Protein backbone atom coordinates (compact mmCIF):
# COMPACT_ATOMS: atom_id res chain seq x y z
CA UNK A 1 0.00 0.00 0.00
CA UNK A 2 1.33 3.43 -0.88
CA UNK A 3 0.18 7.03 -1.15
CA UNK A 4 1.40 10.16 -2.90
CA UNK A 5 3.20 12.78 -0.80
CA UNK A 6 2.51 16.42 -1.69
CA UNK A 7 4.69 19.18 -0.23
CA UNK A 8 2.27 22.00 0.59
CA UNK A 9 4.94 23.94 2.48
CA UNK A 10 6.92 26.08 0.02
CA UNK A 11 10.23 25.79 1.89
CA UNK A 12 9.89 21.99 2.12
CA UNK A 13 9.24 21.87 -1.63
CA UNK A 14 12.35 24.01 -2.28
CA UNK A 15 14.38 21.72 -0.02
CA UNK A 16 13.22 18.71 -2.05
CA UNK A 17 13.94 20.34 -5.42
CA UNK A 18 17.37 21.59 -4.29
CA UNK A 19 18.72 18.20 -3.24
CA UNK A 20 16.84 16.20 -5.85
CA UNK A 21 18.60 18.14 -8.62
CA UNK A 22 22.06 17.06 -7.41
CA UNK A 23 24.13 14.35 -9.09
CA UNK A 24 24.89 12.81 -5.68
CA UNK A 25 21.96 13.62 -3.36
CA UNK A 26 22.66 10.94 -0.74
CA UNK A 27 24.32 11.69 2.59
CA UNK A 28 25.73 9.28 5.13
CA UNK A 29 26.25 9.37 8.88
CA UNK A 30 28.30 6.75 10.71
CA UNK A 31 28.31 6.53 14.49
CA UNK A 32 29.00 3.99 17.21
CA UNK A 33 25.95 2.72 19.09
CA UNK A 34 25.93 0.67 22.27
CA UNK A 35 24.78 -2.94 21.94
CA UNK A 36 25.76 -4.27 25.38
CA UNK A 37 22.20 -5.05 26.48
CA UNK A 38 21.19 -6.23 23.03
CA UNK A 39 24.02 -8.77 22.82
CA UNK A 40 23.28 -10.02 26.33
CA UNK A 41 19.60 -10.52 25.49
CA UNK A 42 20.44 -12.30 22.24
CA UNK A 43 22.60 -14.79 24.12
CA UNK A 44 20.11 -15.26 26.97
CA UNK A 45 17.13 -15.79 24.65
CA UNK A 46 19.18 -17.84 22.14
CA UNK A 47 18.13 -15.62 19.23
CA UNK A 48 19.96 -15.34 15.88
CA UNK A 49 21.98 -12.14 16.02
CA UNK A 50 21.73 -11.05 12.38
CA UNK A 51 17.99 -11.54 12.03
CA UNK A 52 17.33 -9.87 15.37
CA UNK A 53 19.50 -6.89 14.45
CA UNK A 54 17.92 -6.57 10.99
CA UNK A 55 14.50 -6.60 12.67
CA UNK A 56 15.42 -3.77 15.07
CA UNK A 57 16.96 -1.68 12.28
CA UNK A 58 13.92 -2.24 10.04
CA UNK A 59 11.36 -1.59 12.75
CA UNK A 60 13.02 1.73 13.57
CA UNK A 61 13.09 2.78 9.91
CA UNK A 62 9.40 2.00 9.61
CA UNK A 63 8.66 4.29 12.56
CA UNK A 64 9.97 7.34 10.66
CA UNK A 65 7.82 8.15 7.63
CA UNK A 66 10.65 9.87 5.77
CA UNK A 67 12.48 6.51 5.69
CA UNK A 68 9.41 5.10 3.94
CA UNK A 69 9.34 7.83 1.28
CA UNK A 70 10.60 7.07 -2.23
CA UNK A 71 11.04 9.15 -5.37
CA UNK A 72 9.34 7.65 -8.38
CA UNK A 73 8.98 9.46 -11.72
CA UNK A 74 9.71 12.81 -10.03
CA UNK A 75 6.94 12.22 -7.49
CA UNK A 76 7.24 11.21 -3.84
CA UNK A 77 5.30 8.22 -2.61
CA UNK A 78 4.99 6.88 0.93
CA UNK A 79 4.94 3.15 1.59
CA UNK A 80 2.95 1.82 4.51
CA UNK A 81 5.78 -0.63 5.25
CA UNK A 82 9.31 -1.07 3.92
CA UNK A 83 11.17 -4.38 3.99
CA UNK A 84 14.81 -5.27 4.61
CA UNK A 85 16.99 -6.62 1.81
CA UNK A 86 20.20 -7.66 3.55
CA UNK A 87 23.39 -9.42 2.55
CA UNK A 88 24.07 -13.05 3.45
CA UNK A 89 26.87 -15.46 2.49
CA UNK A 90 26.17 -18.23 -0.02
CA UNK A 91 27.42 -21.73 -0.79
CA UNK A 92 27.93 -20.81 -4.44
CA UNK A 93 30.75 -18.24 -4.25
CA UNK A 94 32.74 -16.07 -1.87
CA UNK A 95 30.48 -13.07 -2.53
CA UNK A 96 27.15 -12.27 -0.93
CA UNK A 97 23.54 -12.67 -1.95
CA UNK A 98 20.66 -10.37 -1.14
CA UNK A 99 18.07 -11.82 1.22
CA UNK A 100 14.82 -9.87 0.96
CA UNK A 101 12.34 -10.61 3.74
CA UNK A 102 8.87 -9.21 4.27
CA UNK A 103 8.96 -7.23 7.49
CA UNK A 104 6.93 -8.75 10.32
CA UNK A 105 6.15 -6.80 13.48
CA UNK A 106 6.63 -9.86 15.68
CA UNK A 107 10.29 -10.85 15.97
CA UNK A 108 9.58 -14.60 16.01
CA UNK A 109 7.53 -14.34 12.81
CA UNK A 110 10.25 -12.32 11.13
CA UNK A 111 12.94 -14.82 12.15
CA UNK A 112 10.86 -17.68 10.79
CA UNK A 113 10.38 -15.94 7.45
CA UNK A 114 14.04 -14.94 7.28
CA UNK A 115 15.11 -18.53 7.86
CA UNK A 116 12.84 -19.70 5.05
CA UNK A 117 14.17 -17.16 2.55
CA UNK A 118 17.76 -17.64 3.69
CA UNK A 119 17.64 -21.37 3.01
CA UNK A 120 16.72 -20.61 -0.60
CA UNK A 121 19.55 -18.11 -0.99
CA UNK A 122 22.26 -20.59 0.04
CA UNK A 123 22.08 -22.48 -3.23
CA UNK A 124 20.08 -20.05 -5.36
CA UNK A 125 21.66 -16.66 -4.63
CA UNK A 126 20.29 -13.42 -6.00
CA UNK A 127 21.95 -10.07 -6.62
CA UNK A 128 19.22 -8.46 -8.71
CA UNK A 129 16.42 -6.25 -7.45
CA UNK A 130 12.87 -6.77 -8.64
CA UNK A 131 12.23 -4.10 -11.32
CA UNK A 132 10.14 -1.22 -10.01
CA UNK A 133 10.25 -2.43 -6.41
CA UNK A 134 11.40 0.32 -4.05
CA UNK A 135 9.69 -0.54 -0.75
CA UNK A 136 13.04 -1.79 0.54
CA UNK A 137 15.85 -1.01 2.95
CA UNK A 138 19.25 -2.06 1.64
CA UNK A 139 21.29 -3.51 4.52
CA UNK A 140 24.74 -5.03 4.77
CA UNK A 141 27.00 -6.41 7.48
CA UNK A 142 30.76 -5.78 7.49
CA UNK A 143 31.60 -8.02 10.48
CA UNK A 144 35.36 -7.93 9.83
CA UNK A 145 35.86 -4.17 10.37
CA UNK A 146 34.88 -1.66 13.05
CA UNK A 147 34.60 0.96 10.33
CA UNK A 148 34.37 4.70 10.88
CA UNK A 149 32.83 5.59 7.51
CA UNK A 150 31.07 3.89 4.61
CA UNK A 151 30.64 4.50 0.89
CA UNK A 152 27.98 2.49 -0.92
CA UNK A 153 27.85 1.47 -4.56
CA UNK A 154 24.75 2.83 -6.25
CA UNK A 155 23.35 4.11 -9.52
CA UNK A 156 23.36 7.86 -10.01
CA UNK A 157 21.54 8.10 -13.36
CA UNK A 158 18.84 7.90 -12.32
CA UNK A 159 19.67 7.70 -8.62
CA UNK A 160 17.43 5.67 -6.35
CA UNK A 161 16.04 6.77 -3.01
CA UNK A 162 16.31 3.56 -0.99
CA UNK A 163 18.17 4.07 2.33
CA UNK A 164 21.35 2.05 2.98
CA UNK A 165 22.03 0.75 6.48
CA UNK A 166 25.24 -1.08 7.40
CA UNK A 167 26.83 -2.31 10.60
CA UNK A 168 30.35 -3.43 11.42
CA UNK A 169 32.43 -5.45 13.84
CA UNK A 170 31.51 -5.10 17.52
CA UNK A 171 34.21 -3.73 19.82
CA UNK A 172 34.76 -2.95 23.48
CA UNK A 173 34.97 0.61 24.75
CA UNK A 174 35.03 1.60 28.43
CA UNK A 175 33.38 -1.66 29.44
CA UNK A 176 30.62 -1.38 26.84
CA UNK A 177 30.02 -3.32 23.64
CA UNK A 178 29.79 -0.92 20.71
CA UNK A 179 28.79 -1.31 17.07
CA UNK A 180 29.55 1.02 14.14
CA UNK A 181 26.33 1.89 12.32
CA UNK A 182 26.18 3.62 8.96
CA UNK A 183 22.95 5.12 7.64
CA UNK A 184 22.71 6.63 4.17
CA UNK A 185 19.62 8.31 2.74
CA UNK A 186 18.45 10.61 -0.05
CA UNK A 187 18.74 14.18 1.23
CA UNK A 188 15.69 15.38 -0.67
CA UNK A 189 13.59 13.09 1.54
CA UNK A 190 15.58 12.64 4.75
CA UNK A 191 17.11 15.62 6.55
CA UNK A 192 19.50 15.75 9.49
CA UNK A 193 16.62 15.84 11.99
CA UNK A 194 15.18 12.60 10.64
CA UNK A 195 18.60 10.97 10.59
CA UNK A 196 19.18 12.06 14.17
CA UNK A 197 15.80 10.64 15.17
CA UNK A 198 16.77 7.31 13.61
CA UNK A 199 19.95 7.04 15.67
CA UNK A 200 18.14 8.09 18.86
CA UNK A 201 15.41 5.52 18.32
CA UNK A 202 17.94 2.79 17.48
CA UNK A 203 19.90 3.45 20.64
CA UNK A 204 16.73 3.25 22.73
CA UNK A 205 15.58 0.08 20.95
CA UNK A 206 18.90 -1.69 21.45
CA UNK A 207 19.03 -0.78 25.14
CA UNK A 208 15.44 -1.91 25.66
CA UNK A 209 15.63 -5.04 23.51
């Protein structure tokens, strides 16, 4: 389900036009977030870390409408729900496959669906997106590096408006477990306030997991 977004505020419309006219309209923020409580809960409840983390990241994105906005044919549409498409290893090669899973509000339901799709990807990997499908969140894990910045591959002509969310290797800092988190979004849709809200909500969700 989707609906058209109309900018009735003149300044908001100018903001959209200004950034949408750029060759590279995406911006990226990378920050370390605490996952001490999250990791402890994962171990105690015997939950799969990747699926649980993807669920938290997706749920938070769905709570902010600007992360559900997409540019299509010079118009802005709002999806009711956006779904994670995240990278997973395969048995076919030493490069990843995309694993696209319909977002489920209940964690157990999401894990079950992710397991089903993941089993298909092991021997039948996919790297292509479904044409015309933009109700997605592109996610990737870089578990080998506690990175401090991230640059994503993407098409610029025409550029897409799907947010990119990546996380890196956990590390210890002052007795806490930390995780680098990179969030990239189209600046015509997502501004600094919305990006800041995403990080604030993620931190609260991970602490309260």
